Amino acid sequence: MSETVNMDKMNFGFGISLAIIAIVNALLTLGKELVPGIKDMATTVGSLIGINHHWVGHGIIILLLFVILGFVFSQATISNFFIEKFGFDQIRLLIFIMICTIIGIGLIGGYFFMHTFIG
């Protein structure tokens, strides 16, 4: 027995934000490893709250992007477009979040595997 339940706009918006942030987090992590300026930028962001460390800045950047993107994608016109155009429901949103999370894990894990074992 399958039931279709209309997805709440906030659930959709923050679900899409979560999926995007999973990949952005991986890219920011790799960027900090590969480009010294990005690590310095994250350290500067962390120092804005008095803690001068790149992981604090990283967390602030990710949290702010998550909230901003969540509210942007929660707007009725944007969420309706994605729900109608791509047929997003709860299951498809969950699958999308899982795929993006796996991609993020693969990016970080793949980089550190290569860095550790290959050179």
N, C-alpha and C. Protein backbone atom coordinates (compact mmCIF):
# COMPACT_ATOMS: atom_id res chain seq x y z
N MET A 1 0.85 -1.18 0.00
CA MET A 1 0.00 0.00 0.00
C MET A 1 0.89 1.23 0.00
N SER A 2 0.79 2.04 -1.02
CA SER A 2 1.64 3.23 -1.08
C SER A 2 0.76 4.47 -1.03
N GLU A 3 1.21 5.40 -0.24
CA GLU A 3 0.51 6.67 -0.12
C GLU A 3 1.43 7.78 -0.56
N THR A 4 0.89 8.77 -1.24
CA THR A 4 1.66 9.94 -1.60
C THR A 4 1.32 11.04 -0.63
N VAL A 5 2.34 11.57 0.00
CA VAL A 5 2.16 12.65 0.96
C VAL A 5 2.85 13.88 0.40
N ASN A 6 2.13 14.99 0.38
CA ASN A 6 2.75 16.23 -0.08
C ASN A 6 3.91 16.60 0.83
N MET A 7 5.01 16.95 0.22
CA MET A 7 6.20 17.29 0.99
C MET A 7 6.12 18.74 1.44
N ASP A 8 6.44 18.96 2.69
CA ASP A 8 6.50 20.30 3.25
C ASP A 8 7.64 21.06 2.58
N LYS A 9 7.43 22.34 2.29
CA LYS A 9 8.44 23.15 1.61
C LYS A 9 9.72 23.28 2.43
N MET A 10 9.61 23.39 3.74
CA MET A 10 10.80 23.50 4.59
C MET A 10 11.58 22.19 4.59
N ASN A 11 10.88 21.06 4.65
CA ASN A 11 11.56 19.77 4.58
C ASN A 11 12.32 19.62 3.27
N PHE A 12 11.67 20.02 2.18
CA PHE A 12 12.32 19.94 0.88
C PHE A 12 13.53 20.86 0.84
N GLY A 13 13.35 22.11 1.24
CA GLY A 13 14.42 23.09 1.16
C GLY A 13 15.65 22.69 1.96
N PHE A 14 15.43 22.26 3.19
CA PHE A 14 16.57 21.89 4.02
C PHE A 14 17.12 20.51 3.65
N GLY A 15 16.31 19.64 3.04
CA GLY A 15 16.81 18.37 2.53
C GLY A 15 17.74 18.59 1.35
N ILE A 16 17.34 19.45 0.42
CA ILE A 16 18.21 19.77 -0.72
C ILE A 16 19.47 20.48 -0.22
N SER A 17 19.32 21.36 0.74
CA SER A 17 20.47 22.05 1.32
C SER A 17 21.45 21.05 1.92
N LEU A 18 20.94 20.06 2.64
CA LEU A 18 21.79 19.02 3.23
C LEU A 18 22.57 18.28 2.16
N ALA A 19 21.91 17.92 1.06
CA ALA A 19 22.58 17.20 -0.02
C ALA A 19 23.69 18.05 -0.64
N ILE A 20 23.40 19.31 -0.88
CA ILE A 20 24.40 20.20 -1.48
C ILE A 20 25.57 20.40 -0.52
N ILE A 21 25.26 20.60 0.75
CA ILE A 21 26.30 20.85 1.75
C ILE A 21 27.20 19.64 1.92
N ALA A 22 26.69 18.43 1.72
CA ALA A 22 27.53 17.24 1.82
C ALA A 22 28.67 17.29 0.80
N ILE A 23 28.37 17.79 -0.39
CA ILE A 23 29.40 17.91 -1.42
C ILE A 23 30.25 19.15 -1.20
N VAL A 24 29.64 20.27 -0.83
CA VAL A 24 30.39 21.50 -0.56
C VAL A 24 31.38 21.28 0.58
N ASN A 25 30.97 20.56 1.61
CA ASN A 25 31.86 20.26 2.72
C ASN A 25 33.09 19.50 2.24
N ALA A 26 32.89 18.52 1.38
CA ALA A 26 34.01 17.75 0.84
C ALA A 26 34.92 18.64 0.00
N LEU A 27 34.33 19.48 -0.84
CA LEU A 27 35.13 20.36 -1.68
C LEU A 27 35.91 21.38 -0.85
N LEU A 28 35.29 21.89 0.21
CA LEU A 28 35.99 22.82 1.10
C LEU A 28 37.14 22.12 1.82
N THR A 29 36.91 20.90 2.26
CA THR A 29 37.97 20.12 2.91
C THR A 29 39.14 19.90 1.96
N LEU A 30 38.85 19.49 0.73
CA LEU A 30 39.91 19.29 -0.25
C LEU A 30 40.58 20.60 -0.63
N GLY A 31 39.80 21.66 -0.74
CA GLY A 31 40.37 22.97 -1.05
C GLY A 31 41.34 23.43 0.02
N LYS A 32 41.01 23.19 1.27
CA LYS A 32 41.91 23.58 2.36
C LYS A 32 43.20 22.78 2.32
N GLU A 33 43.14 21.54 1.84
CA GLU A 33 44.33 20.70 1.73
C GLU A 33 45.20 21.11 0.55
N LEU A 34 44.58 21.53 -0.53
CA LEU A 34 45.30 21.77 -1.77
C LEU A 34 45.65 23.23 -2.03
N VAL A 35 44.87 24.16 -1.50
CA VAL A 35 45.08 25.59 -1.77
C VAL A 35 45.26 26.32 -0.45
N PRO A 36 46.49 26.78 -0.16
CA PRO A 36 46.74 27.42 1.14
C PRO A 36 45.82 28.62 1.43
N GLY A 37 45.44 29.35 0.43
CA GLY A 37 44.59 30.52 0.63
C GLY A 37 43.23 30.18 1.20
N ILE A 38 42.71 29.03 0.84
CA ILE A 38 41.39 28.61 1.35
C ILE A 38 41.49 28.29 2.84
N LYS A 39 42.56 27.64 3.23
CA LYS A 39 42.76 27.33 4.65
C LYS A 39 42.90 28.63 5.45
N ASP A 40 43.63 29.60 4.89
CA ASP A 40 43.78 30.90 5.55
C ASP A 40 42.43 31.61 5.67
N MET A 41 41.60 31.51 4.63
CA MET A 41 40.27 32.13 4.67
C MET A 41 39.42 31.50 5.76
N ALA A 42 39.47 30.18 5.88
CA ALA A 42 38.70 29.50 6.92
C ALA A 42 39.20 29.88 8.30
N THR A 43 40.51 30.04 8.45
CA THR A 43 41.08 30.47 9.73
C THR A 43 40.60 31.87 10.07
N THR A 44 40.54 32.74 9.08
CA THR A 44 40.06 34.11 9.30
C THR A 44 38.60 34.11 9.74
N VAL A 45 37.78 33.28 9.11
CA VAL A 45 36.37 33.19 9.50
C VAL A 45 36.26 32.72 10.95
N GLY A 46 37.07 31.73 11.32
CA GLY A 46 37.07 31.24 12.70
C GLY A 46 37.50 32.31 13.69
N SER A 47 38.44 33.14 13.28
CA SER A 47 38.92 34.19 14.18
C SER A 47 37.87 35.27 14.43
N LEU A 48 36.84 35.33 13.60
CA LEU A 48 35.77 36.31 13.81
C LEU A 48 35.02 36.06 15.10
N ILE A 49 35.01 34.81 15.57
CA ILE A 49 34.35 34.52 16.85
C ILE A 49 35.38 34.29 17.95
N GLY A 50 36.65 34.61 17.65
CA GLY A 50 37.68 34.53 18.67
C GLY A 50 38.44 33.23 18.75
N ILE A 51 38.17 32.30 17.82
CA ILE A 51 38.89 31.02 17.81
C ILE A 51 39.63 30.94 16.48
N ASN A 52 40.93 31.07 16.54
CA ASN A 52 41.76 31.20 15.35
C ASN A 52 42.18 29.82 14.83
N HIS A 53 41.21 29.07 14.27
CA HIS A 53 41.53 27.75 13.74
C HIS A 53 40.68 27.50 12.50
N HIS A 54 41.27 26.85 11.49
CA HIS A 54 40.57 26.66 10.21
C HIS A 54 39.36 25.75 10.33
N TRP A 55 39.33 24.79 11.26
CA TRP A 55 38.17 23.91 11.38
C TRP A 55 36.97 24.65 11.96
N VAL A 56 37.21 25.63 12.81
CA VAL A 56 36.11 26.44 13.34
C VAL A 56 35.50 27.26 12.21
N GLY A 57 36.37 27.88 11.42
CA GLY A 57 35.89 28.64 10.27
C GLY A 57 35.16 27.76 9.27
N HIS A 58 35.68 26.57 9.06
CA HIS A 58 35.04 25.60 8.17
C HIS A 58 33.61 25.30 8.65
N GLY A 59 33.49 25.05 9.94
CA GLY A 59 32.16 24.76 10.50
C GLY A 59 31.20 25.92 10.36
N ILE A 60 31.69 27.13 10.59
CA ILE A 60 30.84 28.32 10.45
C ILE A 60 30.38 28.49 9.01
N ILE A 61 31.31 28.33 8.07
CA ILE A 61 30.96 28.46 6.64
C ILE A 61 29.90 27.44 6.26
N ILE A 62 30.09 26.19 6.65
CA ILE A 62 29.16 25.12 6.29
C ILE A 62 27.79 25.35 6.93
N LEU A 63 27.78 25.74 8.19
CA LEU A 63 26.52 25.97 8.89
C LEU A 63 25.75 27.13 8.26
N LEU A 64 26.44 28.23 7.97
CA LEU A 64 25.77 29.39 7.36
C LEU A 64 25.23 29.03 5.97
N LEU A 65 26.02 28.32 5.17
CA LEU A 65 25.54 27.92 3.85
C LEU A 65 24.34 26.99 3.94
N PHE A 66 24.37 26.07 4.90
CA PHE A 66 23.23 25.16 5.09
C PHE A 66 21.95 25.93 5.39
N VAL A 67 22.03 26.88 6.31
CA VAL A 67 20.84 27.65 6.68
C VAL A 67 20.37 28.54 5.53
N ILE A 68 21.30 29.23 4.88
CA ILE A 68 20.93 30.11 3.77
C ILE A 68 20.30 29.32 2.63
N LEU A 69 20.98 28.24 2.22
CA LEU A 69 20.43 27.42 1.13
C LEU A 69 19.10 26.78 1.52
N GLY A 70 18.97 26.38 2.78
CA GLY A 70 17.73 25.79 3.25
C GLY A 70 16.55 26.73 3.09
N PHE A 71 16.76 27.99 3.48
CA PHE A 71 15.67 28.97 3.34
C PHE A 71 15.43 29.34 1.88
N VAL A 72 16.49 29.42 1.08
CA VAL A 72 16.32 29.74 -0.34
C VAL A 72 15.51 28.64 -1.04
N PHE A 73 15.89 27.38 -0.83
CA PHE A 73 15.18 26.27 -1.48
C PHE A 73 13.80 26.02 -0.87
N SER A 74 13.51 26.62 0.29
CA SER A 74 12.19 26.47 0.90
C SER A 74 11.17 27.45 0.33
N GLN A 75 11.62 28.41 -0.45
CA GLN A 75 10.69 29.35 -1.05
C GLN A 75 9.73 28.59 -1.96
N ALA A 76 8.46 28.97 -1.91
CA ALA A 76 7.41 28.23 -2.61
C ALA A 76 7.70 28.07 -4.11
N THR A 77 8.15 29.12 -4.76
CA THR A 77 8.36 29.03 -6.21
C THR A 77 9.50 28.08 -6.53
N ILE A 78 10.57 28.12 -5.75
CA ILE A 78 11.72 27.25 -6.02
C ILE A 78 11.38 25.80 -5.69
N SER A 79 10.81 25.58 -4.50
CA SER A 79 10.51 24.19 -4.12
C SER A 79 9.46 23.58 -5.04
N ASN A 80 8.44 24.35 -5.41
CA ASN A 80 7.43 23.83 -6.33
C ASN A 80 8.04 23.47 -7.68
N PHE A 81 8.96 24.29 -8.16
CA PHE A 81 9.63 24.01 -9.43
C PHE A 81 10.34 22.66 -9.37
N PHE A 82 11.15 22.44 -8.33
CA PHE A 82 11.91 21.19 -8.22
C PHE A 82 11.00 19.99 -7.99
N ILE A 83 9.98 20.18 -7.16
CA ILE A 83 9.07 19.07 -6.87
C ILE A 83 8.31 18.66 -8.13
N GLU A 84 7.83 19.64 -8.90
CA GLU A 84 7.06 19.33 -10.09
C GLU A 84 7.95 18.92 -11.26
N LYS A 85 9.05 19.62 -11.46
CA LYS A 85 9.93 19.36 -12.61
C LYS A 85 10.65 18.02 -12.50
N PHE A 86 11.15 17.70 -11.30
CA PHE A 86 11.95 16.50 -11.11
C PHE A 86 11.22 15.41 -10.32
N GLY A 87 9.98 15.67 -9.95
CA GLY A 87 9.18 14.66 -9.27
C GLY A 87 9.70 14.28 -7.90
N PHE A 88 10.25 15.26 -7.17
CA PHE A 88 10.77 14.97 -5.84
C PHE A 88 9.63 14.62 -4.89
N ASP A 89 9.79 13.50 -4.19
CA ASP A 89 8.95 13.16 -3.06
C ASP A 89 9.90 12.79 -1.92
N GLN A 90 9.36 12.27 -0.82
CA GLN A 90 10.21 11.98 0.33
C GLN A 90 11.29 10.95 0.00
N ILE A 91 10.93 9.92 -0.74
CA ILE A 91 11.87 8.85 -1.06
C ILE A 91 12.96 9.37 -2.01
N ARG A 92 12.57 10.10 -3.02
CA ARG A 92 13.57 10.63 -3.97
C ARG A 92 14.49 11.64 -3.28
N LEU A 93 13.95 12.42 -2.39
CA LEU A 93 14.79 13.37 -1.65
C LEU A 93 15.78 12.62 -0.78
N LEU A 94 15.32 11.58 -0.10
CA LEU A 94 16.21 10.78 0.73
C LEU A 94 17.31 10.12 -0.11
N ILE A 95 16.95 9.59 -1.26
CA ILE A 95 17.95 8.98 -2.14
C ILE A 95 18.95 10.02 -2.62
N PHE A 96 18.48 11.21 -2.96
CA PHE A 96 19.36 12.29 -3.40
C PHE A 96 20.33 12.68 -2.29
N ILE A 97 19.84 12.78 -1.06
CA ILE A 97 20.70 13.10 0.09
C ILE A 97 21.75 12.00 0.26
N MET A 98 21.34 10.75 0.17
CA MET A 98 22.27 9.64 0.34
C MET A 98 23.33 9.62 -0.75
N ILE A 99 22.94 9.86 -1.99
CA ILE A 99 23.90 9.88 -3.10
C ILE A 99 24.92 11.00 -2.91
N CYS A 100 24.45 12.19 -2.58
CA CYS A 100 25.36 13.32 -2.37
C CYS A 100 26.29 13.08 -1.18
N THR A 101 25.78 12.46 -0.13
CA THR A 101 26.62 12.13 1.03
C THR A 101 27.69 11.13 0.65
N ILE A 102 27.33 10.12 -0.13
CA ILE A 102 28.30 9.12 -0.58
C ILE A 102 29.36 9.77 -1.48
N ILE A 103 28.94 10.69 -2.33
CA ILE A 103 29.89 11.41 -3.19
C ILE A 103 30.86 12.20 -2.32
N GLY A 104 30.34 12.91 -1.31
CA GLY A 104 31.20 13.67 -0.42
C GLY A 104 32.20 12.80 0.32
N ILE A 105 31.72 11.67 0.83
CA ILE A 105 32.61 10.73 1.52
C ILE A 105 33.66 10.19 0.55
N GLY A 106 33.24 9.88 -0.67
CA GLY A 106 34.17 9.37 -1.67
C GLY A 106 35.24 10.39 -2.04
N LEU A 107 34.86 11.65 -2.16
CA LEU A 107 35.84 12.68 -2.47
C LEU A 107 36.89 12.81 -1.38
N ILE A 108 36.44 12.93 -0.14
CA ILE A 108 37.39 13.07 0.97
C ILE A 108 38.19 11.79 1.16
N GLY A 109 37.50 10.66 1.21
CA GLY A 109 38.19 9.38 1.40
C GLY A 109 39.14 9.07 0.27
N GLY A 110 38.73 9.32 -0.96
CA GLY A 110 39.59 9.07 -2.11
C GLY A 110 40.85 9.93 -2.08
N TYR A 111 40.68 11.21 -1.74
CA TYR A 111 41.85 12.09 -1.66
C TYR A 111 42.83 11.59 -0.61
N PHE A 112 42.33 11.33 0.60
CA PHE A 112 43.25 10.92 1.66
C PHE A 112 43.83 9.53 1.42
N PHE A 113 43.09 8.64 0.76
CA PHE A 113 43.63 7.34 0.40
C PHE A 113 44.80 7.52 -0.57
N MET A 114 44.58 8.34 -1.60
CA MET A 114 45.65 8.58 -2.58
C MET A 114 46.83 9.29 -1.93
N HIS A 115 46.53 10.26 -1.10
CA HIS A 115 47.59 11.03 -0.43
C HIS A 115 48.41 10.14 0.49
N THR A 116 47.78 9.19 1.15
CA THR A 116 48.46 8.33 2.10
C THR A 116 49.20 7.19 1.42
N PHE A 117 48.58 6.53 0.47
CA PHE A 117 49.14 5.30 -0.08
C PHE A 117 49.82 5.46 -1.45
N ILE A 118 49.45 6.46 -2.20
CA ILE A 118 50.01 6.59 -3.55
C ILE A 118 51.07 7.68 -3.61
N GLY A 119 50.90 8.71 -2.84
CA GLY A 119 51.95 9.73 -2.84
C GLY A 119 51.38 11.03 -2.86
